[in-house]
């Protein structure tokens, strides 16, 4: 079983008082990872990202659409970035 690195950027890092954490789960999907983050911090990131276009989830450098890919399997040693947009633009998936 491998670990997944989760990094938090922007306001999320401030809320969680962490810039990165490691998670170890068997048969990890994006949904199970975000559930684990929510359990650890008491904050539903799936809802936050789905309800607010300023928040993004990026897996190994690729933007993820939580509506289309919640059961996406996460490979061992991948990196998941959870961040807010900096300024301007529009999320395109």
PDB file of N, CA and C in Angstrom:
ATOM      1  N   UNK A   1       0.857  -1.174   0.000  1.00  0.00           N
ATOM      2  CA  UNK A   1       0.000   0.000   0.000  1.00  0.00           C
ATOM      3  C   UNK A   1       0.898   1.231   0.000  1.00  0.00           C
ATOM      4  N   UNK A   2       0.660   2.149  -0.921  1.00  0.00           N
ATOM      5  CA  UNK A   2       1.464   3.353  -1.021  1.00  0.00           C
ATOM      6  C   UNK A   2       0.735   4.562  -0.475  1.00  0.00           C
ATOM      7  N   UNK A   3       1.463   5.631  -0.365  1.00  0.00           N
ATOM      8  CA  UNK A   3       0.898   6.871   0.152  1.00  0.00           C
ATOM      9  C   UNK A   3       0.641   7.841  -0.987  1.00  0.00           C
ATOM     10  N   UNK A   4      -0.376   8.653  -0.797  1.00  0.00           N
ATOM     11  CA  UNK A   4      -0.709   9.723  -1.725  1.00  0.00           C
ATOM     12  C   UNK A   4      -0.396  11.042  -1.024  1.00  0.00           C
ATOM     13  N   UNK A   5       0.321  11.916  -1.721  1.00  0.00           N
ATOM     14  CA  UNK A   5       0.624  13.238  -1.190  1.00  0.00           C
ATOM     15  C   UNK A   5      -0.506  14.179  -1.578  1.00  0.00           C
ATOM     16  N   UNK A   6      -1.084  14.844  -0.589  1.00  0.00           N
ATOM     17  CA  UNK A   6      -2.119  15.844  -0.833  1.00  0.00           C
ATOM     18  C   UNK A   6      -1.545  17.191  -0.429  1.00  0.00           C
ATOM     19  N   UNK A   7      -1.548  18.142  -1.368  1.00  0.00           N
ATOM     20  CA  UNK A   7      -1.082  19.486  -1.049  1.00  0.00           C
ATOM     21  C   UNK A   7      -2.266  20.433  -1.061  1.00  0.00           C
ATOM     22  N   UNK A   8      -2.227  21.387  -0.163  1.00  0.00           N
ATOM     23  CA  UNK A   8      -3.272  22.400  -0.054  1.00  0.00           C
ATOM     24  C   UNK A   8      -2.647  23.746  -0.388  1.00  0.00           C
ATOM     25  N   UNK A   9      -3.333  24.503  -1.209  1.00  0.00           N
ATOM     26  CA  UNK A   9      -2.842  25.810  -1.632  1.00  0.00           C
ATOM     27  C   UNK A   9      -3.879  26.882  -1.297  1.00  0.00           C
ATOM     28  N   UNK A  10      -3.407  28.077  -1.098  1.00  0.00           N
ATOM     29  CA  UNK A  10      -4.306  29.207  -0.878  1.00  0.00           C
ATOM     30  C   UNK A  10      -5.049  29.112   0.447  1.00  0.00           C
ATOM     31  N   UNK A  11      -6.279  29.535   0.440  1.00  0.00           N
ATOM     32  CA  UNK A  11      -7.081  29.621   1.655  1.00  0.00           C
ATOM     33  C   UNK A  11      -7.285  28.252   2.304  1.00  0.00           C
ATOM     34  N   UNK A  12      -7.291  27.195   1.515  1.00  0.00           N
ATOM     35  CA  UNK A  12      -7.480  25.857   2.078  1.00  0.00           C
ATOM     36  C   UNK A  12      -6.320  25.508   3.010  1.00  0.00           C
ATOM     37  N   UNK A  13      -5.097  25.863   2.631  1.00  0.00           N
ATOM     38  CA  UNK A  13      -3.935  25.623   3.487  1.00  0.00           C
ATOM     39  C   UNK A  13      -4.078  26.380   4.805  1.00  0.00           C
ATOM     40  N   UNK A  14      -4.617  27.586   4.738  1.00  0.00           N
ATOM     41  CA  UNK A  14      -4.829  28.374   5.957  1.00  0.00           C
ATOM     42  C   UNK A  14      -5.906  27.749   6.839  1.00  0.00           C
ATOM     43  N   UNK A  15      -6.992  27.313   6.237  1.00  0.00           N
ATOM     44  CA  UNK A  15      -8.086  26.699   7.002  1.00  0.00           C
ATOM     45  C   UNK A  15      -7.601  25.423   7.689  1.00  0.00           C
ATOM     46  N   UNK A  16      -6.874  24.579   6.955  1.00  0.00           N
ATOM     47  CA  UNK A  16      -6.414  23.302   7.499  1.00  0.00           C
ATOM     48  C   UNK A  16      -5.135  23.426   8.323  1.00  0.00           C
ATOM     49  N   UNK A  17      -4.496  24.600   8.274  1.00  0.00           N
ATOM     50  CA  UNK A  17      -3.223  24.826   8.951  1.00  0.00           C
ATOM     51  C   UNK A  17      -2.203  23.767   8.535  1.00  0.00           C
ATOM     52  N   UNK A  18      -2.199  23.459   7.240  1.00  0.00           N
ATOM     53  CA  UNK A  18      -1.266  22.479   6.671  1.00  0.00           C
ATOM     54  C   UNK A  18      -1.088  22.787   5.196  1.00  0.00           C
ATOM     55  N   UNK A  19       0.106  22.566   4.706  1.00  0.00           N
ATOM     56  CA  UNK A  19       0.328  22.754   3.272  1.00  0.00           C
ATOM     57  C   UNK A  19       0.383  21.412   2.544  1.00  0.00           C
ATOM     58  N   UNK A  20       0.645  20.330   3.302  1.00  0.00           N
ATOM     59  CA  UNK A  20       0.626  19.004   2.682  1.00  0.00           C
ATOM     60  C   UNK A  20       0.493  17.920   3.739  1.00  0.00           C
ATOM     61  N   UNK A  21      -0.058  16.812   3.287  1.00  0.00           N
ATOM     62  CA  UNK A  21      -0.258  15.649   4.161  1.00  0.00           C
ATOM     63  C   UNK A  21      -0.158  14.399   3.297  1.00  0.00           C
ATOM     64  N   UNK A  22       0.135  13.292   3.951  1.00  0.00           N
ATOM     65  CA  UNK A  22       0.153  11.999   3.264  1.00  0.00           C
ATOM     66  C   UNK A  22      -1.029  11.171   3.752  1.00  0.00           C
ATOM     67  N   UNK A  23      -1.632  10.446   2.828  1.00  0.00           N
ATOM     68  CA  UNK A  23      -2.741   9.548   3.143  1.00  0.00           C
ATOM     69  C   UNK A  23      -2.409   8.162   2.619  1.00  0.00           C
ATOM     70  N   UNK A  24      -2.678   7.145   3.439  1.00  0.00           N
ATOM     71  CA  UNK A  24      -2.477   5.765   3.032  1.00  0.00           C
ATOM     72  C   UNK A  24      -3.807   5.037   3.146  1.00  0.00           C
ATOM     73  N   UNK A  25      -4.345   4.651   2.008  1.00  0.00           N
ATOM     74  CA  UNK A  25      -5.615   3.932   1.953  1.00  0.00           C
ATOM     75  C   UNK A  25      -5.480   2.802   0.948  1.00  0.00           C
ATOM     76  N   UNK A  26      -6.103   1.668   1.226  1.00  0.00           N
ATOM     77  CA  UNK A  26      -6.110   0.588   0.252  1.00  0.00           C
ATOM     78  C   UNK A  26      -7.137   0.865  -0.830  1.00  0.00           C
ATOM     79  N   UNK A  27      -6.820   0.538  -2.074  1.00  0.00           N
ATOM     80  CA  UNK A  27      -7.744   0.753  -3.203  1.00  0.00           C
ATOM     81  C   UNK A  27      -8.314   2.163  -3.195  1.00  0.00           C
ATOM     82  N   UNK A  28      -7.455   3.146  -3.164  1.00  0.00           N
ATOM     83  CA  UNK A  28      -7.880   4.533  -3.016  1.00  0.00           C
ATOM     84  C   UNK A  28      -8.489   5.095  -4.295  1.00  0.00           C
ATOM     85  N   UNK A  29      -9.651   5.711  -4.129  1.00  0.00           N
ATOM     86  CA  UNK A  29     -10.267   6.478  -5.207  1.00  0.00           C
ATOM     87  C   UNK A  29     -10.240   7.942  -4.797  1.00  0.00           C
ATOM     88  N   UNK A  30     -10.517   8.805  -5.744  1.00  0.00           N
ATOM     89  CA  UNK A  30     -10.576  10.222  -5.424  1.00  0.00           C
ATOM     90  C   UNK A  30     -11.634  10.476  -4.350  1.00  0.00           C
ATOM     91  N   UNK A  31     -12.779   9.816  -4.473  1.00  0.00           N
ATOM     92  CA  UNK A  31     -13.846   9.987  -3.480  1.00  0.00           C
ATOM     93  C   UNK A  31     -13.379   9.556  -2.083  1.00  0.00           C
ATOM     94  N   UNK A  32     -12.738   8.388  -1.988  1.00  0.00           N
ATOM     95  CA  UNK A  32     -12.304   7.907  -0.671  1.00  0.00           C
ATOM     96  C   UNK A  32     -11.229   8.818  -0.076  1.00  0.00           C
ATOM     97  N   UNK A  33     -10.361   9.360  -0.921  1.00  0.00           N
ATOM     98  CA  UNK A  33      -9.355  10.293  -0.435  1.00  0.00           C
ATOM     99  C   UNK A  33     -10.009  11.559   0.107  1.00  0.00           C
ATOM    100  N   UNK A  34     -10.917  12.141  -0.664  1.00  0.00           N
ATOM    101  CA  UNK A  34     -11.574  13.374  -0.201  1.00  0.00           C
ATOM    102  C   UNK A  34     -12.413  13.124   1.036  1.00  0.00           C
ATOM    103  N   UNK A  35     -12.993  11.927   1.170  1.00  0.00           N
ATOM    104  CA  UNK A  35     -13.706  11.572   2.398  1.00  0.00           C
ATOM    105  C   UNK A  35     -12.749  11.519   3.586  1.00  0.00           C
ATOM    106  N   UNK A  36     -11.555  10.981   3.370  1.00  0.00           N
ATOM    107  CA  UNK A  36     -10.553  10.918   4.439  1.00  0.00           C
ATOM    108  C   UNK A  36     -10.091  12.308   4.853  1.00  0.00           C
ATOM    109  N   UNK A  37      -9.910  13.190   3.864  1.00  0.00           N
ATOM    110  CA  UNK A  37      -9.548  14.575   4.171  1.00  0.00           C
ATOM    111  C   UNK A  37     -10.665  15.220   4.996  1.00  0.00           C
ATOM    112  N   UNK A  38     -11.913  15.003   4.594  1.00  0.00           N
ATOM    113  CA  UNK A  38     -13.057  15.568   5.326  1.00  0.00           C
ATOM    114  C   UNK A  38     -13.110  15.039   6.749  1.00  0.00           C
ATOM    115  N   UNK A  39     -12.856  13.742   6.928  1.00  0.00           N
ATOM    116  CA  UNK A  39     -12.866  13.163   8.273  1.00  0.00           C
ATOM    117  C   UNK A  39     -11.762  13.745   9.144  1.00  0.00           C
ATOM    118  N   UNK A  40     -10.616  13.972   8.559  1.00  0.00           N
ATOM    119  CA  UNK A  40      -9.486  14.510   9.320  1.00  0.00           C
ATOM    120  C   UNK A  40      -9.709  15.968   9.699  1.00  0.00           C
ATOM    121  N   UNK A  41     -10.292  16.756   8.779  1.00  0.00           N
ATOM    122  CA  UNK A  41     -10.385  18.201   8.995  1.00  0.00           C
ATOM    123  C   UNK A  41     -11.803  18.701   9.272  1.00  0.00           C
ATOM    124  N   UNK A  42     -12.813  17.836   9.096  1.00  0.00           N
ATOM    125  CA  UNK A  42     -14.180  18.263   9.350  1.00  0.00           C
ATOM    126  C   UNK A  42     -14.722  19.222   8.303  1.00  0.00           C
ATOM    127  N   UNK A  43     -14.242  19.084   7.081  1.00  0.00           N
ATOM    128  CA  UNK A  43     -14.626  20.018   6.016  1.00  0.00           C
ATOM    129  C   UNK A  43     -14.864  19.225   4.738  1.00  0.00           C
ATOM    130  N   UNK A  44     -16.033  19.313   4.138  1.00  0.00           N
ATOM    131  CA  UNK A  44     -16.383  18.534   2.959  1.00  0.00           C
ATOM    132  C   UNK A  44     -15.809  19.172   1.697  1.00  0.00           C
ATOM    133  N   UNK A  45     -14.641  18.710   1.282  1.00  0.00           N
ATOM    134  CA  UNK A  45     -13.983  19.290   0.108  1.00  0.00           C
ATOM    135  C   UNK A  45     -14.725  18.994  -1.183  1.00  0.00           C
ATOM    136  N   UNK A  46     -15.344  17.831  -1.294  1.00  0.00           N
ATOM    137  CA  UNK A  46     -16.101  17.535  -2.522  1.00  0.00           C
ATOM    138  C   UNK A  46     -17.189  18.569  -2.729  1.00  0.00           C
ATOM    139  N   UNK A  47     -17.930  18.867  -1.684  1.00  0.00           N
ATOM    140  CA  UNK A  47     -19.006  19.864  -1.791  1.00  0.00           C
ATOM    141  C   UNK A  47     -18.424  21.245  -2.090  1.00  0.00           C
ATOM    142  N   UNK A  48     -17.359  21.592  -1.407  1.00  0.00           N
ATOM    143  CA  UNK A  48     -16.731  22.894  -1.627  1.00  0.00           C
ATOM    144  C   UNK A  48     -16.294  23.057  -3.084  1.00  0.00           C
ATOM    145  N   UNK A  49     -15.621  22.061  -3.629  1.00  0.00           N
ATOM    146  CA  UNK A  49     -15.119  22.143  -5.005  1.00  0.00           C
ATOM    147  C   UNK A  49     -16.266  22.127  -6.004  1.00  0.00           C
ATOM    148  N   UNK A  50     -17.270  21.276  -5.759  1.00  0.00           N
ATOM    149  CA  UNK A  50     -18.390  21.186  -6.692  1.00  0.00           C
ATOM    150  C   UNK A  50     -19.242  22.453  -6.682  1.00  0.00           C
ATOM    151  N   UNK A  51     -19.374  23.100  -5.515  1.00  0.00           N
ATOM    152  CA  UNK A  51     -20.241  24.266  -5.387  1.00  0.00           C
ATOM    153  C   UNK A  51     -19.553  25.582  -5.729  1.00  0.00           C
ATOM    154  N   UNK A  52     -18.241  25.587  -5.809  1.00  0.00           N
ATOM    155  CA  UNK A  52     -17.521  26.836  -5.987  1.00  0.00           C
ATOM    156  C   UNK A  52     -16.493  26.701  -7.114  1.00  0.00           C
ATOM    157  N   UNK A  53     -16.683  27.403  -8.222  1.00  0.00           N
ATOM    158  CA  UNK A  53     -15.764  27.271  -9.361  1.00  0.00           C
ATOM    159  C   UNK A  53     -14.361  27.826  -9.107  1.00  0.00           C
ATOM    160  N   UNK A  54     -14.134  28.426  -7.955  1.00  0.00           N
ATOM    161  CA  UNK A  54     -12.798  28.937  -7.638  1.00  0.00           C
ATOM    162  C   UNK A  54     -11.891  27.862  -7.037  1.00  0.00           C
ATOM    163  N   UNK A  55     -12.432  26.685  -6.739  1.00  0.00           N
ATOM    164  CA  UNK A  55     -11.646  25.608  -6.145  1.00  0.00           C
ATOM    165  C   UNK A  55     -11.402  24.515  -7.172  1.00  0.00           C
ATOM    166  N   UNK A  56     -10.215  23.925  -7.132  1.00  0.00           N
ATOM    167  CA  UNK A  56      -9.800  22.934  -8.115  1.00  0.00           C
ATOM    168  C   UNK A  56      -9.168  21.733  -7.431  1.00  0.00           C
ATOM    169  N   UNK A  57      -9.309  20.573  -8.064  1.00  0.00           N
ATOM    170  CA  UNK A  57      -8.580  19.369  -7.663  1.00  0.00           C
ATOM    171  C   UNK A  57      -7.756  18.937  -8.868  1.00  0.00           C
ATOM    172  N   UNK A  58      -6.469  18.752  -8.647  1.00  0.00           N
ATOM    173  CA  UNK A  58      -5.542  18.374  -9.699  1.00  0.00           C
ATOM    174  C   UNK A  58      -4.828  17.095  -9.261  1.00  0.00           C
ATOM    175  N   UNK A  59      -4.859  16.067 -10.111  1.00  0.00           N
ATOM    176  CA  UNK A  59      -4.198  14.795  -9.813  1.00  0.00           C
ATOM    177  C   UNK A  59      -3.033  14.626 -10.787  1.00  0.00           C
ATOM    178  N   UNK A  60      -1.839  14.545 -10.228  1.00  0.00           N
ATOM    179  CA  UNK A  60      -0.621  14.413 -11.041  1.00  0.00           C
ATOM    180  C   UNK A  60      -0.594  15.407 -12.199  1.00  0.00           C
ATOM    181  N   UNK A  61      -0.955  16.655 -11.899  1.00  0.00           N
ATOM    182  CA  UNK A  61      -0.874  17.728 -12.881  1.00  0.00           C
ATOM    183  C   UNK A  61      -2.064  17.867 -13.806  1.00  0.00           C
ATOM    184  N   UNK A  62      -3.087  17.019 -13.634  1.00  0.00           N
ATOM    185  CA  UNK A  62      -4.253  17.072 -14.518  1.00  0.00           C
ATOM    186  C   UNK A  62      -5.500  17.484 -13.719  1.00  0.00           C
ATOM    187  N   UNK A  63      -6.184  18.508 -14.221  1.00  0.00           N
ATOM    188  CA  UNK A  63      -7.410  18.975 -13.595  1.00  0.00           C
ATOM    189  C   UNK A  63      -8.469  17.872 -13.635  1.00  0.00           C
ATOM    190  N   UNK A  64      -9.152  17.666 -12.518  1.00  0.00           N
ATOM    191  CA  UNK A  64     -10.136  16.596 -12.402  1.00  0.00           C
ATOM    192  C   UNK A  64     -11.528  17.204 -12.241  1.00  0.00           C
ATOM    193  N   UNK A  65     -12.495  16.624 -12.914  1.00  0.00           N
ATOM    194  CA  UNK A  65     -13.898  17.006 -12.784  1.00  0.00           C
ATOM    195  C   UNK A  65     -14.542  16.036 -11.788  1.00  0.00           C
ATOM    196  N   UNK A  66     -14.917  16.524 -10.612  1.00  0.00           N
ATOM    197  CA  UNK A  66     -15.469  15.653  -9.575  1.00  0.00           C
ATOM    198  C   UNK A  66     -16.811  15.051  -9.959  1.00  0.00           C
ATOM    199  N   UNK A  67     -17.537  15.674 -10.871  1.00  0.00           N
ATOM    200  CA  UNK A  67     -18.802  15.092 -11.324  1.00  0.00           C
ATOM    201  C   UNK A  67     -18.565  13.885 -12.223  1.00  0.00           C
ATOM    202  N   UNK A  68     -17.487  13.911 -12.984  1.00  0.00           N
ATOM    203  CA  UNK A  68     -17.207  12.832 -13.933  1.00  0.00           C
ATOM    204  C   UNK A  68     -16.284  11.756 -13.363  1.00  0.00           C
ATOM    205  N   UNK A  69     -15.401  12.138 -12.452  1.00  0.00           N
ATOM    206  CA  UNK A  69     -14.335  11.235 -12.024  1.00  0.00           C
ATOM    207  C   UNK A  69     -14.270  10.931 -10.527  1.00  0.00           C
ATOM    208  N   UNK A  70     -15.377  10.867  -9.795  1.00  0.00           N
ATOM    209  CA  UNK A  70     -15.245  10.652  -8.353  1.00  0.00           C
ATOM    210  C   UNK A  70     -14.684   9.278  -7.992  1.00  0.00           C
ATOM    211  N   UNK A  71     -14.875   8.296  -8.863  1.00  0.00           N
ATOM    212  CA  UNK A  71     -14.388   6.943  -8.579  1.00  0.00           C
ATOM    213  C   UNK A  71     -13.039   6.664  -9.258  1.00  0.00           C
ATOM    214  N   UNK A  72     -12.397   7.716  -9.717  1.00  0.00           N
ATOM    215  CA  UNK A  72     -11.075   7.592 -10.327  1.00  0.00           C
ATOM    216  C   UNK A  72     -10.120   6.953  -9.320  1.00  0.00           C
ATOM    217  N   UNK A  73      -9.438   5.885  -9.739  1.00  0.00           N
ATOM    218  CA  UNK A  73      -8.467   5.239  -8.870  1.00  0.00           C
ATOM    219  C   UNK A  73      -7.188   6.063  -8.841  1.00  0.00           C
ATOM    220  N   UNK A  74      -6.644   6.214  -7.650  1.00  0.00           N
ATOM    221  CA  UNK A  74      -5.413   6.984  -7.493  1.00  0.00           C
ATOM    222  C   UNK A  74      -4.236   6.025  -7.384  1.00  0.00           C
ATOM    223  N   UNK A  75      -3.249   6.171  -8.259  1.00  0.00           N
ATOM    224  CA  UNK A  75      -2.089   5.285  -8.192  1.00  0.00           C
ATOM    225  C   UNK A  75      -1.229   5.599  -6.971  1.00  0.00           C
ATOM    226  N   UNK A  76      -0.491   4.594  -6.517  1.00  0.00           N
ATOM    227  CA  UNK A  76       0.444   4.816  -5.420  1.00  0.00           C
ATOM    228  C   UNK A  76       1.394   5.947  -5.774  1.00  0.00           C
ATOM    229  N   UNK A  77       1.721   6.724  -4.780  1.00  0.00           N
ATOM    230  CA  UNK A  77       2.692   7.813  -4.894  1.00  0.00           C
ATOM    231  C   UNK A  77       2.247   8.943  -5.817  1.00  0.00           C
ATOM    232  N   UNK A  78       0.944   9.061  -6.065  1.00  0.00           N
ATOM    233  CA  UNK A  78       0.496  10.194  -6.867  1.00  0.00           C
ATOM    234  C   UNK A  78       0.391  11.439  -5.988  1.00  0.00           C
ATOM    235  N   UNK A  79       0.199  12.557  -6.636  1.00  0.00           N
ATOM    236  CA  UNK A  79       0.067  13.828  -5.930  1.00  0.00           C
ATOM    237  C   UNK A  79      -1.279  14.435  -6.271  1.00  0.00           C
ATOM    238  N   UNK A  80      -1.993  14.860  -5.248  1.00  0.00           N
ATOM    239  CA  UNK A  80      -3.286  15.508  -5.415  1.00  0.00           C
ATOM    240  C   UNK A  80      -3.167  16.912  -4.844  1.00  0.00           C
ATOM    241  N   UNK A  81      -3.397  17.916  -5.690  1.00  0.00           N
ATOM    242  CA  UNK A  81      -3.357  19.315  -5.259  1.00  0.00           C
ATOM    243  C   UNK A  81      -4.779  19.828  -5.139  1.00  0.00           C
ATOM    244  N   UNK A  82      -5.074  20.467  -4.029  1.00  0.00           N
ATOM    245  CA  UNK A  82      -6.374  21.093  -3.811  1.00  0.00           C
ATOM    246  C   UNK A  82      -6.095  22.570  -3.620  1.00  0.00           C
ATOM    247  N   UNK A  83      -6.671  23.379  -4.521  1.00  0.00           N
ATOM    248  CA  UNK A  83      -6.277  24.784  -4.541  1.00  0.00           C
ATOM    249  C   UNK A  83      -7.412  25.699  -4.979  1.00  0.00           C
ATOM    250  N   UNK A  84      -7.176  26.970  -4.811  1.00  0.00           N
ATOM    251  CA  UNK A  84      -8.098  27.985  -5.308  1.00  0.00           C
ATOM    252  C   UNK A  84      -7.454  28.661  -6.507  1.00  0.00           C
ATOM    253  N   UNK A  85      -8.312  29.180  -7.395  1.00  0.00           N
ATOM    254  CA  UNK A  85      -7.811  29.936  -8.535  1.00  0.00           C
ATOM    255  C   UNK A  85      -7.186  31.228  -8.047  1.00  0.00           C
ATOM    256  N   UNK A  86      -6.211  31.710  -8.770  1.00  0.00           N
ATOM    257  CA  UNK A  86      -5.515  32.927  -8.345  1.00  0.00           C
ATOM    258  C   UNK A  86      -6.325  34.158  -8.714  1.00  0.00           C
ATOM    259  N   UNK A  87      -6.592  34.337  -9.992  1.00  0.00           N
ATOM    260  CA  UNK A  87      -7.365  35.511 -10.416  1.00  0.00           C
ATOM    261  C   UNK A  87      -7.819  35.322 -11.849  1.00  0.00           C
ATOM    262  N   UNK A  88      -9.017  35.746 -12.122  1.00  0.00           N
ATOM    263  CA  UNK A  88      -9.536  35.735 -13.483  1.00  0.00           C
ATOM    264  C   UNK A  88      -9.657  34.359 -14.073  1.00  0.00           C
ATOM    265  N   UNK A  89     -10.088  34.310 -15.296  1.00  0.00           N
ATOM    266  CA  UNK A  89     -10.182  33.042 -16.002  1.00  0.00           C
ATOM    267  C   UNK A  89     -11.413  32.246 -15.601  1.00  0.00           C
ATOM    268  N   UNK A  90     -11.534  31.113 -16.191  1.00  0.00           N
ATOM    269  CA  UNK A  90     -12.680  30.260 -15.950  1.00  0.00           C
ATOM    270  C   UNK A  90     -12.193  28.817 -15.947  1.00  0.00           C
ATOM    271  N   UNK A  91     -12.760  27.995 -15.069  1.00  0.00           N
ATOM    272  CA  UNK A  91     -12.352  26.603 -14.996  1.00  0.00           C
ATOM    273  C   UNK A  91     -12.833  25.891 -16.263  1.00  0.00           C
ATOM    274  N   UNK A  92     -11.923  25.185 -16.899  1.00  0.00           N
ATOM    275  CA  UNK A  92     -12.275  24.396 -18.084  1.00  0.00           C
ATOM    276  C   UNK A  92     -11.798  22.984 -17.862  1.00  0.00           C
ATOM    277  N   UNK A  93     -12.698  22.040 -17.960  1.00  0.00           N
ATOM    278  CA  UNK A  93     -12.354  20.641 -17.730  1.00  0.00           C
ATOM    279  C   UNK A  93     -12.531  19.882 -19.017  1.00  0.00           C
TER     280      UNK A  93
END
